[in-house]
Amino acid sequence: MMASAFEEWQAAYDASDLRDSDFETMSGVPVSPLYLPSERSAEPADFPGLFPYTRGPYASMYRSKLWTMRMFAGFGGPKDTNIRFKQLLEAGSGGLSVAFDLPTLMGRDSDDPLSRGEVGRCGVALDTLSDARDLFAGIDLSAVTTSMTINSPAAVVLAMYIAAAEDAGVERSALGGTLQNDILKEYQAQKEYVFPPRPSTRLVSDVISFCAAELPQFHPVSISGYHIREAGSTAAQELAFTLANGFAYVEAARSRGLEVDSFAPRLSFFFNAQIDFFEEVAKYRAARRIWARWIRDRYGSNDPRSLRLRFHAQTAGVSLTAQQPELNLVRTALEALAGVLGGTQSLHTNSMDEVLSLPTESAARLALRTQQVIAYETGVANVADPLGGSYYVEALTGELEDQAEEIFDVLCNMGEGSMLEGVFNAIEQGWFQEQIADAAYALERKQSCSRRVVVGVNAFTQGDSELPPTLAIDARVEPRQVERLAAVRAQRSDTAVSSALERVRADASTDANLMPAILEAARAFASIGEIMGALGDVFGYWREDPVL
């Protein structure tokens, strides 16, 4: 068993395009690509790149390719964010990650009365195709991968992105990146939903199907535990709820007639990198193991690409403190290191000042430099799963896996065997919300009575009043964006817009894939609010019952 597993791993490692590096310590000691418990007792599970991928999805891990340093950015109007994107790329960022403002996240136009005071504040405003063109102007979208953190209006934003790229001469088949498009966690944690869960999940399935056919290099869903953890969940809940949502999307796509291996290789995940260092490393390892086993044994996958869980990590926003914000540099560095030692495929590091305001250029650059120090100075990228075999990490990995499986049992029982129906029922009954609220309350009690020390908050508070300079948003952003939207509406063809929106309504009333109709509407310069409104005419709107 050991010899065949070793040979399989060795063949995959030898086939890797290794980075140009000596792979040795600072003192010149050679470093092996992988360390095993014993050559005599090693099993397939001891190797990265082999089922169940506990030690990493690829045989060579970072020896062949470092994680993508994908910095989250967005503020003001599209031209403002375009400038920040170019600054980050010049500083060495390997990909773009778009933060949208709250109106865009909610599928509202900048001139909507409910958007007042929020336009361009915590992300970039995106109303029409004209904005998408400006957002990515001068950036070769065939050479840069783009992540877009958007959920309810994800299909609309993807359509605008495709149209902007094609207008710039980039074929949609050449586009690489990730659309978050994870609506289920919105009902559970982040609350940026618009339509009810079932038609919203139909939209997710339509995007998965469309990307499988038209955008072979694009990840149509980034199944996100990040916001579940930010809302207050435990690590085990983040792990279990996220993977349960992933299984639900697999079942939803299969119900639309897709074979699992036609889309599962392009599913990706997005996890939080919290401050409890070893628990986070164990969480990522457990996630890979669970996903591989379920996709093979429950959903019948025969493709190793479907079994490999790939994920993006972002350091924990909720761990940042307004008190002594320079300490956030330390927190972010440790959280980022946990993500790397856990085997992330891409990483965002939070800026030290974003708990106070939108990050300044210097703070964002310093956050990126944190990743670069980890990648190029520490040597941790030279070995796959450096903490594998640690008694503590292995025990934590198993414990988190066991806790997650207990949660899966609850959800499957709620769905009478179906994870998709179990997740729907748990959302409708407020079960997820209650579990997260209880976990958040328990953690807050520990901090309030100092059972859990937070440096600068409930201990070691000298220096709390010293705050760095912050970034202010130009008050003219909102009126400019509203004027810009009015100008687009004045110049477009009202007949084309009306016709396109009517097609959206008609297709929403059938089982047709909605992406072609949404793309037509985006090309006609229909706004995000207008397209979402057309969908809402058919789907209706969701209002959550309060959890008592």
Protein backbone atom coordinates (compact mmCIF):
# COMPACT_ATOMS: atom_id res chain seq x y z
CA MET A 1 0.00 0.00 0.00
CA MET A 2 2.75 2.43 0.98
CA ALA A 3 4.82 1.79 -2.14
CA SER A 4 1.93 2.35 -4.55
CA ALA A 5 0.75 5.47 -2.71
CA PHE A 6 4.29 6.83 -2.64
CA GLU A 7 4.74 6.13 -6.32
CA GLU A 8 1.43 7.82 -7.14
CA TRP A 9 2.39 10.88 -5.12
CA GLN A 10 5.93 10.93 -6.56
CA ALA A 11 4.60 10.82 -10.11
CA ALA A 12 2.25 13.73 -9.44
CA TYR A 13 5.04 15.68 -7.72
CA ASP A 14 7.46 15.08 -10.61
CA ALA A 15 4.82 16.31 -13.07
CA SER A 16 4.48 19.61 -11.22
CA ASP A 17 5.93 22.80 -12.64
CA LEU A 18 8.13 23.59 -9.65
CA ARG A 19 9.02 27.14 -8.74
CA ASP A 20 12.62 28.27 -9.17
CA SER A 21 13.81 27.84 -5.60
CA ASP A 22 16.51 25.98 -3.65
CA PHE A 23 13.96 24.69 -1.11
CA GLU A 24 16.27 24.87 1.87
CA THR A 25 16.37 26.63 5.22
CA MET A 26 18.01 30.02 5.65
CA SER A 27 21.09 28.18 6.90
CA GLY A 28 21.24 25.98 3.83
CA VAL A 29 19.72 22.76 5.20
CA PRO A 30 17.87 20.94 2.36
CA VAL A 31 14.11 20.63 2.90
CA SER A 32 12.09 17.69 1.59
CA PRO A 33 8.77 18.42 -0.13
CA LEU A 34 6.90 16.17 2.30
CA TYR A 35 7.45 14.55 5.69
CA LEU A 36 5.82 11.23 6.58
CA PRO A 37 5.22 9.48 9.91
CA SER A 38 7.30 6.54 8.69
CA GLU A 39 8.13 5.14 5.30
CA ARG A 40 7.03 1.73 6.52
CA SER A 41 3.64 2.81 7.88
CA ALA A 42 2.66 5.59 5.45
CA GLU A 43 -0.83 5.31 3.94
CA PRO A 44 -2.39 7.16 0.97
CA ALA A 45 -3.99 9.60 3.43
CA ASP A 46 -0.49 10.71 4.47
CA PHE A 47 0.19 12.24 1.05
CA PRO A 48 -0.97 15.61 -0.33
CA GLY A 49 -2.69 15.27 -3.67
CA LEU A 50 -4.12 11.85 -2.80
CA PHE A 51 -7.54 10.99 -1.40
CA PRO A 52 -8.84 12.26 1.01
CA TYR A 53 -6.57 15.31 0.50
CA THR A 54 -6.23 16.07 4.22
CA ARG A 55 -2.66 17.22 3.66
CA GLY A 56 -3.46 19.36 0.63
CA PRO A 57 -5.18 19.18 -2.76
CA TYR A 58 -1.97 19.00 -4.80
CA ALA A 59 1.12 16.80 -4.57
CA SER A 60 3.64 19.64 -4.69
CA MET A 61 1.53 22.33 -2.98
CA TYR A 62 3.35 25.69 -2.86
CA ARG A 63 6.55 24.28 -4.34
CA SER A 64 4.88 24.54 -7.74
CA LYS A 65 2.70 27.60 -7.16
CA LEU A 66 2.25 29.97 -4.26
CA TRP A 67 -1.26 30.86 -3.18
CA THR A 68 -2.81 33.79 -5.04
CA MET A 69 -2.48 37.01 -3.07
CA ARG A 70 -5.93 38.39 -3.76
CA MET A 71 -6.57 41.68 -1.99
CA PHE A 72 -10.19 42.73 -1.39
CA ALA A 73 -10.80 46.30 -2.53
CA GLY A 74 -13.63 48.62 -3.46
CA PHE A 75 -14.85 52.11 -2.55
CA GLY A 76 -16.39 55.18 -4.11
CA GLY A 77 -17.17 55.08 -7.80
CA PRO A 78 -15.82 52.58 -10.35
CA LYS A 79 -12.98 54.89 -11.40
CA ASP A 80 -11.84 55.26 -7.75
CA THR A 81 -11.65 51.50 -7.30
CA ASN A 82 -9.96 51.04 -10.67
CA ILE A 83 -7.09 53.19 -9.38
CA ARG A 84 -6.79 51.06 -6.20
CA PHE A 85 -6.83 47.86 -8.28
CA LYS A 86 -3.92 49.12 -10.33
CA GLN A 87 -2.01 50.12 -7.19
CA LEU A 88 -2.44 46.62 -5.75
CA LEU A 89 -1.38 44.94 -8.98
CA GLU A 90 1.72 47.14 -9.12
CA ALA A 91 2.50 46.15 -5.52
CA GLY A 92 2.49 42.46 -6.45
CA SER A 93 -1.09 41.31 -5.91
CA GLY A 94 -1.81 38.24 -8.01
CA GLY A 95 -5.54 38.80 -8.49
CA LEU A 96 -8.41 41.21 -7.99
CA SER A 97 -11.16 40.86 -5.40
CA VAL A 98 -14.06 43.27 -5.71
CA ALA A 99 -15.89 44.71 -2.70
CA PHE A 100 -19.28 46.16 -3.62
CA ASP A 101 -21.21 48.78 -1.67
CA LEU A 102 -24.33 47.85 0.28
CA PRO A 103 -26.86 49.03 -2.36
CA THR A 104 -25.15 46.86 -4.99
CA LEU A 105 -25.04 43.89 -2.61
CA MET A 106 -28.78 44.30 -2.07
CA GLY A 107 -29.49 44.66 -5.80
CA ARG A 108 -30.50 48.34 -5.54
CA ASP A 109 -29.59 51.23 -7.79
CA SER A 110 -27.66 54.19 -6.44
CA ASP A 111 -30.70 56.44 -6.83
CA ASP A 112 -32.97 54.12 -4.84
CA PRO A 113 -34.24 55.94 -1.70
CA LEU A 114 -33.00 52.99 0.41
CA SER A 115 -29.47 53.52 -0.97
CA ARG A 116 -29.15 57.02 0.43
CA GLY A 117 -25.99 57.49 2.50
CA GLU A 118 -24.50 54.11 1.51
CA VAL A 119 -23.39 54.64 -2.09
CA GLY A 120 -19.68 53.89 -2.46
CA ARG A 121 -19.18 53.72 1.31
CA CYS A 122 -18.13 50.14 2.08
CA GLY A 123 -17.41 49.07 -1.46
CA VAL A 124 -17.74 50.22 -5.04
CA ALA A 125 -21.07 51.22 -6.58
CA LEU A 126 -22.07 49.25 -9.68
CA ASP A 127 -25.30 50.21 -11.42
CA THR A 128 -24.88 49.37 -15.12
CA LEU A 129 -22.53 47.93 -17.72
CA SER A 130 -21.02 51.41 -18.04
CA ASP A 131 -19.76 51.10 -14.44
CA ALA A 132 -18.36 47.63 -15.08
CA ARG A 133 -16.39 48.96 -18.04
CA ASP A 134 -14.85 51.72 -15.92
CA LEU A 135 -14.17 49.39 -12.98
CA PHE A 136 -11.87 47.19 -15.07
CA ALA A 137 -10.59 49.76 -17.59
CA GLY A 138 -6.98 49.23 -18.57
CA ILE A 139 -6.77 45.82 -16.85
CA ASP A 140 -6.25 42.74 -19.00
CA LEU A 141 -8.98 40.42 -17.72
CA SER A 142 -7.47 37.49 -19.62
CA ALA A 143 -4.29 37.81 -17.53
CA VAL A 144 -5.80 38.52 -14.09
CA THR A 145 -8.30 36.43 -12.16
CA THR A 146 -11.13 38.35 -10.54
CA SER A 147 -13.12 37.43 -7.45
CA MET A 148 -16.46 39.16 -6.94
CA THR A 149 -18.05 39.06 -3.50
CA ILE A 150 -21.69 39.32 -4.47
CA ASN A 151 -24.62 37.01 -3.79
CA SER A 152 -28.27 37.94 -4.44
CA PRO A 153 -27.42 39.92 -7.61
CA ALA A 154 -24.48 37.62 -8.49
CA ALA A 155 -25.95 36.56 -11.85
CA VAL A 156 -26.48 40.20 -12.82
CA VAL A 157 -22.97 41.29 -11.85
CA LEU A 158 -21.46 38.30 -13.67
CA ALA A 159 -23.39 39.29 -16.80
CA MET A 160 -22.01 42.84 -16.60
CA TYR A 161 -18.50 41.47 -16.06
CA ILE A 162 -18.77 39.19 -19.11
CA ALA A 163 -20.11 42.02 -21.26
CA ALA A 164 -17.38 44.43 -20.11
CA ALA A 165 -14.69 41.84 -20.84
CA GLU A 166 -16.06 41.05 -24.29
CA ASP A 167 -16.32 44.77 -25.07
CA ALA A 168 -12.60 44.96 -24.22
CA GLY A 169 -11.81 42.10 -26.60
CA VAL A 170 -11.56 39.25 -24.07
CA GLU A 171 -13.54 36.11 -24.86
CA ARG A 172 -15.68 34.80 -22.01
CA SER A 173 -13.94 31.42 -22.28
CA ALA A 174 -10.67 33.14 -21.29
CA LEU A 175 -12.06 34.65 -18.10
CA GLY A 176 -10.77 33.26 -14.83
CA GLY A 177 -11.90 34.05 -11.32
CA THR A 178 -14.59 33.39 -8.77
CA LEU A 179 -18.14 34.53 -8.18
CA GLN A 180 -19.22 34.17 -4.58
CA ASN A 181 -22.85 33.50 -5.53
CA ASP A 182 -23.49 31.71 -2.21
CA ILE A 183 -27.04 32.68 -1.33
CA LEU A 184 -27.72 30.07 1.35
CA LYS A 185 -25.27 31.59 3.83
CA GLU A 186 -27.01 34.95 3.38
CA TYR A 187 -30.13 33.60 5.09
CA GLN A 188 -27.97 31.99 7.75
CA ALA A 189 -25.60 34.81 8.57
CA GLN A 190 -24.96 37.87 6.39
CA LYS A 191 -28.61 38.74 5.57
CA GLU A 192 -28.02 40.25 2.13
CA TYR A 193 -30.84 38.26 0.56
CA VAL A 194 -33.57 39.55 -1.78
CA PHE A 195 -35.69 36.64 -3.03
CA PRO A 196 -36.89 33.54 -1.12
CA PRO A 197 -34.37 30.69 -0.70
CA ARG A 198 -35.75 28.32 -3.34
CA PRO A 199 -35.84 30.63 -6.39
CA SER A 200 -32.56 32.16 -5.24
CA THR A 201 -30.97 28.71 -5.27
CA ARG A 202 -32.40 28.17 -8.76
CA LEU A 203 -30.43 31.26 -9.81
CA VAL A 204 -27.26 29.76 -8.34
CA SER A 205 -27.85 26.55 -10.28
CA ASP A 206 -28.39 28.54 -13.49
CA VAL A 207 -25.03 30.27 -13.01
CA ILE A 208 -23.32 26.92 -12.34
CA SER A 209 -24.81 25.46 -15.52
CA PHE A 210 -23.99 28.54 -17.61
CA CYS A 211 -20.37 28.67 -16.43
CA ALA A 212 -19.88 24.94 -17.01
CA ALA A 213 -20.85 25.53 -20.65
CA GLU A 214 -19.49 29.03 -21.34
CA LEU A 215 -16.80 29.94 -18.77
CA PRO A 216 -14.70 26.81 -18.25
CA GLN A 217 -12.02 28.64 -16.24
CA PHE A 218 -14.42 30.42 -13.91
CA HIS A 219 -15.56 29.27 -10.46
CA PRO A 220 -19.34 29.90 -10.40
CA VAL A 221 -19.74 29.58 -6.62
CA SER A 222 -17.48 30.30 -3.68
CA ILE A 223 -19.24 28.53 -0.83
CA SER A 224 -18.56 30.80 2.09
CA GLY A 225 -18.04 30.07 5.74
CA TYR A 226 -16.39 33.44 6.24
CA HIS A 227 -19.58 35.34 6.97
CA ILE A 228 -20.95 32.51 9.11
CA ARG A 229 -17.88 32.82 11.33
CA GLU A 230 -17.99 36.62 11.34
CA ALA A 231 -21.59 36.39 12.58
CA GLY A 232 -20.36 34.51 15.64
CA SER A 233 -20.32 30.79 14.86
CA THR A 234 -17.80 28.33 16.23
CA ALA A 235 -15.15 26.81 13.99
CA ALA A 236 -17.10 23.53 13.85
CA GLN A 237 -20.28 25.36 12.87
CA GLU A 238 -18.45 27.31 10.17
CA LEU A 239 -17.04 24.05 8.83
CA ALA A 240 -20.34 22.14 8.94
CA PHE A 241 -22.70 24.87 7.73
CA THR A 242 -20.38 25.73 4.83
CA LEU A 243 -19.96 22.17 3.64
CA ALA A 244 -23.69 21.49 4.10
CA ASN A 245 -24.39 24.44 1.81
CA GLY A 246 -21.91 23.00 -0.67
CA PHE A 247 -23.67 19.65 -0.63
CA ALA A 248 -27.00 21.46 -1.06
CA TYR A 249 -25.71 23.22 -4.20
CA VAL A 250 -24.52 19.88 -5.57
CA GLU A 251 -28.01 18.44 -5.04
CA ALA A 252 -29.63 21.52 -6.57
CA ALA A 253 -27.43 21.35 -9.68
CA ARG A 254 -28.07 17.64 -10.05
CA SER A 255 -31.80 18.29 -9.85
CA ARG A 256 -31.36 20.58 -12.88
CA GLY A 257 -29.93 17.66 -14.84
CA LEU A 258 -26.19 18.25 -14.38
CA GLU A 259 -23.77 15.40 -13.73
CA VAL A 260 -21.70 16.05 -10.61
CA ASP A 261 -18.35 15.89 -12.42
CA SER A 262 -19.52 18.41 -15.02
CA PHE A 263 -19.50 21.21 -12.44
CA ALA A 264 -17.97 20.10 -9.12
CA PRO A 265 -14.35 20.65 -10.26
CA ARG A 266 -15.12 24.40 -10.48
CA LEU A 267 -16.75 24.73 -7.06
CA SER A 268 -14.60 26.57 -4.53
CA PHE A 269 -14.82 27.54 -0.88
CA PHE A 270 -14.14 30.62 1.22
CA PHE A 271 -13.16 30.21 4.87
CA ASN A 272 -12.36 32.55 7.72
CA ALA A 273 -8.84 32.60 9.15
CA GLN A 274 -9.55 33.29 12.81
CA ILE A 275 -7.14 33.93 15.65
CA ASP A 276 -7.13 30.44 17.28
CA PHE A 277 -4.15 29.31 15.22
CA PHE A 278 -4.16 25.52 15.50
CA GLU A 279 -7.95 25.21 15.39
CA GLU A 280 -7.96 27.03 12.07
CA VAL A 281 -5.30 24.79 10.54
CA ALA A 282 -7.28 21.74 11.68
CA LYS A 283 -10.51 23.18 10.27
CA TYR A 284 -9.10 23.44 6.76
CA ARG A 285 -7.67 19.91 6.89
CA ALA A 286 -10.99 18.50 8.11
CA ALA A 287 -12.87 20.38 5.37
CA ARG A 288 -10.83 18.74 2.62
CA ARG A 289 -11.29 15.30 4.13
CA ILE A 290 -15.06 15.61 4.56
CA TRP A 291 -15.66 17.06 1.10
CA ALA A 292 -13.64 14.34 -0.64
CA ARG A 293 -15.46 11.55 1.15
CA TRP A 294 -18.98 12.94 0.65
CA ILE A 295 -18.54 13.85 -3.02
CA ARG A 296 -17.18 10.39 -3.78
CA ASP A 297 -19.37 8.21 -1.57
CA ARG A 298 -22.68 10.12 -1.49
CA TYR A 299 -22.71 11.86 -4.87
CA GLY A 300 -20.81 9.30 -6.94
CA SER A 301 -17.97 11.42 -8.29
CA ASN A 302 -15.23 9.62 -10.21
CA ASP A 303 -13.12 12.70 -10.97
CA PRO A 304 -10.29 13.60 -8.56
CA ARG A 305 -10.78 17.25 -9.52
CA SER A 306 -14.27 17.11 -7.99
CA LEU A 307 -12.93 15.60 -4.77
CA ARG A 308 -10.30 18.28 -4.17
CA LEU A 309 -11.64 21.07 -2.00
CA ARG A 310 -9.94 24.32 -2.99
CA PHE A 311 -10.47 27.42 -0.88
CA HIS A 312 -9.79 31.08 -0.41
CA ALA A 313 -9.09 32.39 3.08
CA GLN A 314 -9.49 35.85 4.53
CA THR A 315 -8.21 36.94 7.89
CA ALA A 316 -10.92 37.63 10.45
CA GLY A 317 -12.45 41.07 10.31
CA VAL A 318 -14.22 40.46 13.61
CA SER A 319 -10.88 39.88 15.35
CA LEU A 320 -9.66 43.39 14.51
CA THR A 321 -9.85 45.99 17.26
CA ALA A 322 -10.26 49.75 17.17
CA GLN A 323 -8.11 49.87 20.30
CA GLN A 324 -4.37 49.82 19.52
CA PRO A 325 -5.03 49.09 15.83
CA GLU A 326 -1.35 48.41 15.17
CA LEU A 327 -1.89 45.11 16.98
CA ASN A 328 -4.10 44.13 14.07
CA LEU A 329 -0.91 43.68 12.05
CA VAL A 330 0.11 40.92 14.45
CA ARG A 331 -3.33 39.31 14.43
CA THR A 332 -3.51 39.38 10.65
CA ALA A 333 -0.02 37.88 10.25
CA LEU A 334 -0.85 34.95 12.54
CA GLU A 335 -4.22 34.35 10.89
CA ALA A 336 -2.64 34.48 7.43
CA LEU A 337 0.01 32.00 8.52
CA ALA A 338 -2.72 29.63 9.71
CA GLY A 339 -4.36 29.88 6.29
CA VAL A 340 -1.08 29.05 4.57
CA LEU A 341 -0.24 26.15 6.89
CA GLY A 342 -3.78 24.90 6.31
CA GLY A 343 -3.20 24.86 2.54
CA THR A 344 -5.21 27.78 1.15
CA GLN A 345 -5.22 28.45 -2.60
CA SER A 346 -5.68 32.22 -2.26
CA LEU A 347 -5.56 34.67 0.60
CA HIS A 348 -6.69 38.15 1.57
CA THR A 349 -5.09 39.89 4.53
CA ASN A 350 -7.10 42.60 6.27
CA SER A 351 -5.65 46.05 6.73
CA MET A 352 -4.96 47.21 10.26
CA ASP A 353 -7.14 50.32 9.94
CA GLU A 354 -10.29 48.90 8.36
CA VAL A 355 -11.98 48.55 11.72
CA LEU A 356 -11.89 52.38 11.76
CA SER A 357 -12.59 53.19 8.10
CA LEU A 358 -11.92 52.00 4.59
CA PRO A 359 -8.23 51.03 4.36
CA THR A 360 -5.71 53.64 3.36
CA GLU A 361 -3.39 52.86 0.46
CA SER A 362 -0.42 52.38 2.80
CA ALA A 363 -2.34 50.05 5.12
CA ALA A 364 -3.56 47.94 2.19
CA ARG A 365 -0.03 47.70 0.84
CA LEU A 366 1.27 46.66 4.26
CA ALA A 367 -1.39 43.94 4.44
CA LEU A 368 -0.18 42.59 1.10
CA ARG A 369 3.43 42.79 2.27
CA THR A 370 2.44 40.56 5.22
CA GLN A 371 1.60 37.78 2.76
CA GLN A 372 4.80 38.37 0.83
CA VAL A 373 6.91 38.03 3.99
CA ILE A 374 5.19 34.72 4.78
CA ALA A 375 5.68 33.49 1.21
CA TYR A 376 9.27 34.52 0.62
CA GLU A 377 10.99 34.79 4.01
CA THR A 378 9.63 32.17 6.39
CA GLY A 379 10.19 28.96 4.42
CA VAL A 380 6.72 27.62 5.27
CA ALA A 381 5.85 27.26 1.58
CA ASN A 382 8.64 24.76 0.99
CA VAL A 383 6.85 21.81 2.64
CA ALA A 384 3.35 20.41 2.20
CA ASP A 385 1.32 20.42 5.42
CA PRO A 386 4.21 21.27 7.80
CA LEU A 387 2.02 20.65 10.87
CA GLY A 388 0.76 17.26 9.67
CA GLY A 389 1.55 14.58 12.23
CA SER A 390 1.33 16.96 15.17
CA TYR A 391 -0.57 15.11 17.91
CA TYR A 392 -2.53 18.29 18.65
CA VAL A 393 -3.38 19.20 15.05
CA GLU A 394 -4.34 15.65 14.12
CA ALA A 395 -6.60 15.36 17.19
CA LEU A 396 -8.23 18.73 16.45
CA THR A 397 -8.77 17.73 12.83
CA GLY A 398 -10.59 14.60 13.91
CA GLU A 399 -12.63 16.39 16.57
CA LEU A 400 -13.83 19.08 14.17
CA GLU A 401 -14.70 16.42 11.61
CA ASP A 402 -16.76 14.53 14.20
CA GLN A 403 -18.63 17.67 15.27
CA ALA A 404 -19.37 18.53 11.64
CA GLU A 405 -20.76 15.05 10.96
CA GLU A 406 -23.13 15.42 13.92
CA ILE A 407 -24.48 18.62 12.38
CA PHE A 408 -24.86 16.93 8.98
CA ASP A 409 -26.99 14.24 10.66
CA VAL A 410 -29.30 16.92 12.07
CA LEU A 411 -29.70 18.65 8.71
CA CYS A 412 -30.26 15.45 6.74
CA ASN A 413 -32.92 14.42 9.26
CA MET A 414 -34.61 17.81 8.81
CA GLY A 415 -34.67 17.14 5.05
CA GLU A 416 -35.72 13.50 5.31
CA GLY A 417 -32.45 12.43 3.72
CA SER A 418 -31.94 15.43 1.44
CA MET A 419 -29.28 17.94 2.45
CA LEU A 420 -30.83 20.56 0.15
CA GLU A 421 -34.25 20.24 1.77
CA GLY A 422 -32.64 20.07 5.20
CA VAL A 423 -30.85 23.37 4.62
CA PHE A 424 -34.04 24.99 3.27
CA ASN A 425 -36.05 23.78 6.26
CA ALA A 426 -33.39 24.86 8.75
CA ILE A 427 -33.36 28.35 7.21
CA GLU A 428 -37.13 28.63 7.26
CA GLN A 429 -37.29 27.45 10.88
CA GLY A 430 -34.51 29.82 12.01
CA TRP A 431 -32.32 26.91 13.14
CA PHE A 432 -29.04 28.24 11.69
CA GLN A 433 -29.70 31.70 13.03
CA GLU A 434 -30.38 30.36 16.52
CA GLN A 435 -27.22 28.21 16.54
CA ILE A 436 -25.02 31.13 15.47
CA ALA A 437 -26.65 33.54 17.94
CA ASP A 438 -26.08 31.15 20.84
CA ALA A 439 -22.41 30.67 19.88
CA ALA A 440 -21.86 34.42 19.52
CA TYR A 441 -23.45 35.06 22.92
CA ALA A 442 -21.29 32.42 24.60
CA LEU A 443 -18.10 33.95 23.17
CA GLU A 444 -19.17 37.46 24.14
CA ARG A 445 -19.77 36.34 27.73
CA LYS A 446 -16.23 34.92 27.90
CA GLN A 447 -14.79 38.21 26.68
CA SER A 448 -16.98 40.34 28.92
CA CYS A 449 -15.75 38.58 32.05
CA SER A 450 -12.16 38.34 30.69
CA ARG A 451 -12.16 34.55 30.55
CA ARG A 452 -10.95 35.20 27.02
CA VAL A 453 -8.38 37.97 26.86
CA VAL A 454 -8.43 40.37 23.92
CA VAL A 455 -5.31 42.51 24.11
CA GLY A 456 -6.14 46.21 24.16
CA VAL A 457 -9.85 45.56 24.77
CA ASN A 458 -10.22 43.84 28.13
CA ALA A 459 -6.53 43.75 29.14
CA PHE A 460 -3.30 45.67 28.46
CA THR A 461 -5.18 48.80 27.45
CA GLN A 462 -2.40 51.39 27.72
CA GLY A 463 -2.18 53.17 24.34
CA ASP A 464 -5.78 52.60 23.31
CA SER A 465 -6.32 56.28 22.45
CA GLU A 466 -3.60 56.42 19.76
CA LEU A 467 -5.31 56.13 16.38
CA PRO A 468 -3.73 56.24 12.89
CA PRO A 469 -4.91 58.51 10.07
CA THR A 470 -7.93 57.15 8.20
CA LEU A 471 -9.38 57.36 4.71
CA ALA A 472 -12.40 59.59 4.15
CA ILE A 473 -14.88 59.00 1.33
CA ASP A 474 -15.51 62.03 -0.84
CA ALA A 475 -19.04 63.28 -0.10
CA ARG A 476 -19.48 63.92 -3.82
CA VAL A 477 -19.33 60.20 -4.70
CA GLU A 478 -23.04 59.58 -4.21
CA PRO A 479 -24.40 62.54 -6.21
CA ARG A 480 -21.88 61.79 -8.99
CA GLN A 481 -22.98 58.17 -9.16
CA VAL A 482 -26.66 59.15 -9.23
CA GLU A 483 -25.95 61.63 -12.05
CA ARG A 484 -23.98 58.98 -13.92
CA LEU A 485 -26.89 56.54 -13.70
CA ALA A 486 -29.29 59.21 -14.95
CA ALA A 487 -27.00 59.90 -17.91
CA VAL A 488 -26.89 56.20 -18.84
CA ARG A 489 -30.68 55.99 -18.70
CA ALA A 490 -30.98 59.07 -20.93
CA GLN A 491 -28.66 57.62 -23.58
CA ARG A 492 -29.86 54.00 -23.77
CA SER A 493 -32.74 52.58 -25.78
CA ASP A 494 -35.86 52.36 -23.59
CA THR A 495 -37.39 49.92 -26.05
CA ALA A 496 -34.40 47.57 -25.81
CA VAL A 497 -34.43 47.76 -22.02
CA SER A 498 -38.16 47.05 -21.77
CA SER A 499 -37.88 44.12 -24.16
CA ALA A 500 -34.92 42.65 -22.27
CA LEU A 501 -36.61 43.00 -18.88
CA GLU A 502 -39.75 41.35 -20.21
CA ARG A 503 -37.62 38.42 -21.35
CA VAL A 504 -36.15 38.16 -17.85
CA ARG A 505 -39.67 37.95 -16.39
CA ALA A 506 -40.76 35.41 -18.99
CA ASP A 507 -37.74 33.14 -18.46
CA ALA A 508 -38.06 33.40 -14.68
CA SER A 509 -41.59 32.01 -15.05
CA THR A 510 -40.22 28.88 -16.77
CA ASP A 511 -37.36 26.45 -16.18
CA ALA A 512 -35.14 28.23 -18.72
CA ASN A 513 -31.61 29.15 -17.70
CA LEU A 514 -31.81 32.83 -16.75
CA MET A 515 -28.24 33.84 -17.65
CA PRO A 516 -28.84 34.53 -21.38
CA ALA A 517 -31.79 36.82 -20.58
CA ILE A 518 -29.86 38.62 -17.82
CA LEU A 519 -26.89 39.06 -20.16
CA GLU A 520 -29.17 40.59 -22.79
CA ALA A 521 -30.55 43.02 -20.19
CA ALA A 522 -27.06 43.98 -19.04
CA ARG A 523 -26.00 44.66 -22.62
CA ALA A 524 -29.04 46.91 -23.06
CA PHE A 525 -27.75 48.92 -20.06
CA ALA A 526 -30.59 47.88 -17.78
CA SER A 527 -29.56 48.69 -14.23
CA ILE A 528 -28.97 46.18 -11.46
CA GLY A 529 -32.10 47.41 -9.67
CA GLU A 530 -34.22 47.05 -12.78
CA ILE A 531 -33.06 43.50 -13.49
CA MET A 532 -33.52 42.46 -9.88
CA GLY A 533 -36.94 44.09 -9.91
CA ALA A 534 -37.95 42.03 -12.95
CA LEU A 535 -36.89 38.86 -11.16
CA GLY A 536 -38.70 39.96 -8.02
CA ASP A 537 -41.92 40.37 -9.98
CA VAL A 538 -41.83 36.58 -10.47
CA PHE A 539 -39.91 35.28 -7.46
CA GLY A 540 -41.30 37.58 -4.76
CA TYR A 541 -39.24 38.87 -1.82
CA TRP A 542 -38.01 37.29 1.40
CA ARG A 543 -38.65 38.58 4.89
CA GLU A 544 -37.09 36.68 7.77
CA ASP A 545 -39.13 35.80 10.83
CA PRO A 546 -37.33 36.96 13.98
CA VAL A 547 -35.59 34.31 16.06
CA LEU A 548 -36.87 34.52 19.64
